[in-house]
């Protein structure tokens, strides 16, 4: 099983920061979904989904990532 980040609109897979490929076999394997989520958050990447790829593509799954909030965002109240 491979855990990949895929751009929702273009369907390209992340190979490296700023480097995308149409070939899932050339994409970076995060190995775990939380690593992929953390990477997207750390690099402010949006419009992504997690693609879970298996040897048999019949079992492949895609999970859209919700919009990521910037780290350390705090709500402020006006007085």
C-alpha atoms as a PDB file:
ATOM      1  CA  UNK A   1       0.000   0.000   0.000  1.00  0.00           C
ATOM      2  CA  UNK A   2       1.218   3.509  -0.862  1.00  0.00           C
ATOM      3  CA  UNK A   3      -0.004   6.798   0.602  1.00  0.00           C
ATOM      4  CA  UNK A   4       0.261   9.661  -1.898  1.00  0.00           C
ATOM      5  CA  UNK A   5      -0.793  13.281  -2.106  1.00  0.00           C
ATOM      6  CA  UNK A   6      -2.762  14.103  -5.226  1.00  0.00           C
ATOM      7  CA  UNK A   7      -3.897  17.498  -6.506  1.00  0.00           C
ATOM      8  CA  UNK A   8      -7.698  17.356  -6.674  1.00  0.00           C
ATOM      9  CA  UNK A   9      -8.082  19.446  -9.838  1.00  0.00           C
ATOM     10  CA  UNK A  10      -5.125  18.270 -11.947  1.00  0.00           C
ATOM     11  CA  UNK A  11      -5.032  14.691 -10.604  1.00  0.00           C
ATOM     12  CA  UNK A  12      -1.207  14.946 -10.505  1.00  0.00           C
ATOM     13  CA  UNK A  13       0.717  13.242  -7.704  1.00  0.00           C
ATOM     14  CA  UNK A  14       3.306  14.931  -5.517  1.00  0.00           C
ATOM     15  CA  UNK A  15       6.837  13.773  -6.307  1.00  0.00           C
ATOM     16  CA  UNK A  16       8.550  16.478  -4.256  1.00  0.00           C
ATOM     17  CA  UNK A  17       7.871  20.015  -3.115  1.00  0.00           C
ATOM     18  CA  UNK A  18       6.792  21.871  -6.269  1.00  0.00           C
ATOM     19  CA  UNK A  19       7.278  18.711  -8.370  1.00  0.00           C
ATOM     20  CA  UNK A  20       4.213  16.838  -9.656  1.00  0.00           C
ATOM     21  CA  UNK A  21       3.805  13.763 -11.849  1.00  0.00           C
ATOM     22  CA  UNK A  22       0.903  12.029 -13.599  1.00  0.00           C
ATOM     23  CA  UNK A  23       2.496   8.658 -12.726  1.00  0.00           C
ATOM     24  CA  UNK A  24       1.540   7.358  -9.279  1.00  0.00           C
ATOM     25  CA  UNK A  25       4.578   5.057  -9.365  1.00  0.00           C
ATOM     26  CA  UNK A  26       6.897   8.090  -9.433  1.00  0.00           C
ATOM     27  CA  UNK A  27       5.100   9.884  -6.586  1.00  0.00           C
ATOM     28  CA  UNK A  28       6.479  10.238  -3.070  1.00  0.00           C
ATOM     29  CA  UNK A  29       5.097   7.574  -0.717  1.00  0.00           C
ATOM     30  CA  UNK A  30       4.356   9.076   2.695  1.00  0.00           C
ATOM     31  CA  UNK A  31       3.791   5.626   4.189  1.00  0.00           C
ATOM     32  CA  UNK A  32       1.125   6.951   6.569  1.00  0.00           C
ATOM     33  CA  UNK A  33      -1.787   9.324   6.046  1.00  0.00           C
ATOM     34  CA  UNK A  34      -0.839  11.528   9.021  1.00  0.00           C
ATOM     35  CA  UNK A  35       2.592  12.170   7.470  1.00  0.00           C
ATOM     36  CA  UNK A  36       0.892  13.295   4.260  1.00  0.00           C
ATOM     37  CA  UNK A  37      -1.488  15.577   6.177  1.00  0.00           C
ATOM     38  CA  UNK A  38       1.368  17.049   8.220  1.00  0.00           C
ATOM     39  CA  UNK A  39       3.408  17.691   5.055  1.00  0.00           C
ATOM     40  CA  UNK A  40       0.495  19.477   3.385  1.00  0.00           C
ATOM     41  CA  UNK A  41      -0.081  21.590   6.502  1.00  0.00           C
ATOM     42  CA  UNK A  42       3.613  22.453   6.985  1.00  0.00           C
ATOM     43  CA  UNK A  43       3.951  23.594   3.368  1.00  0.00           C
ATOM     44  CA  UNK A  44       0.518  25.304   3.140  1.00  0.00           C
ATOM     45  CA  UNK A  45      -0.584  23.051   0.261  1.00  0.00           C
ATOM     46  CA  UNK A  46      -4.280  23.221  -0.583  1.00  0.00           C
ATOM     47  CA  UNK A  47      -6.659  21.470  -2.972  1.00  0.00           C
ATOM     48  CA  UNK A  48      -5.243  18.046  -2.164  1.00  0.00           C
ATOM     49  CA  UNK A  49      -6.498  14.577  -1.544  1.00  0.00           C
ATOM     50  CA  UNK A  50      -4.855  11.485  -0.147  1.00  0.00           C
ATOM     51  CA  UNK A  51      -4.641   8.663  -2.663  1.00  0.00           C
ATOM     52  CA  UNK A  52      -4.260   5.206  -1.163  1.00  0.00           C
ATOM     53  CA  UNK A  53      -2.829   2.900  -3.816  1.00  0.00           C
ATOM     54  CA  UNK A  54      -2.788  -0.890  -3.616  1.00  0.00           C
ATOM     55  CA  UNK A  55      -1.185  -3.505  -5.842  1.00  0.00           C
ATOM     56  CA  UNK A  56      -4.673  -4.235  -7.167  1.00  0.00           C
ATOM     57  CA  UNK A  57      -6.071  -0.860  -8.317  1.00  0.00           C
ATOM     58  CA  UNK A  58      -9.597  -2.150  -7.706  1.00  0.00           C
ATOM     59  CA  UNK A  59      -9.028  -1.357  -4.027  1.00  0.00           C
ATOM     60  CA  UNK A  60      -7.565   2.156  -4.469  1.00  0.00           C
ATOM     61  CA  UNK A  61      -9.227   4.890  -2.396  1.00  0.00           C
ATOM     62  CA  UNK A  62      -9.153   8.680  -2.446  1.00  0.00           C
ATOM     63  CA  UNK A  63      -9.896  10.939   0.529  1.00  0.00           C
ATOM     64  CA  UNK A  64     -10.286  14.688   0.034  1.00  0.00           C
ATOM     65  CA  UNK A  65      -8.384  16.729   2.611  1.00  0.00           C
ATOM     66  CA  UNK A  66     -10.470  19.436   4.252  1.00  0.00           C
ATOM     67  CA  UNK A  67      -9.158  22.984   3.934  1.00  0.00           C
ATOM     68  CA  UNK A  68      -6.151  23.295   6.201  1.00  0.00           C
ATOM     69  CA  UNK A  69      -6.033  26.066   8.745  1.00  0.00           C
ATOM     70  CA  UNK A  70      -2.750  27.901   9.177  1.00  0.00           C
ATOM     71  CA  UNK A  71      -0.824  26.782  12.254  1.00  0.00           C
ATOM     72  CA  UNK A  72      -1.235  28.852  15.430  1.00  0.00           C
ATOM     73  CA  UNK A  73      -4.418  30.508  14.235  1.00  0.00           C
ATOM     74  CA  UNK A  74      -6.220  32.157  17.111  1.00  0.00           C
ATOM     75  CA  UNK A  75      -9.659  33.654  17.188  1.00  0.00           C
ATOM     76  CA  UNK A  76      -9.757  37.271  18.299  1.00  0.00           C
ATOM     77  CA  UNK A  77     -12.651  39.172  19.719  1.00  0.00           C
ATOM     78  CA  UNK A  78     -13.172  42.866  19.183  1.00  0.00           C
ATOM     79  CA  UNK A  79     -13.867  45.085  22.150  1.00  0.00           C
END
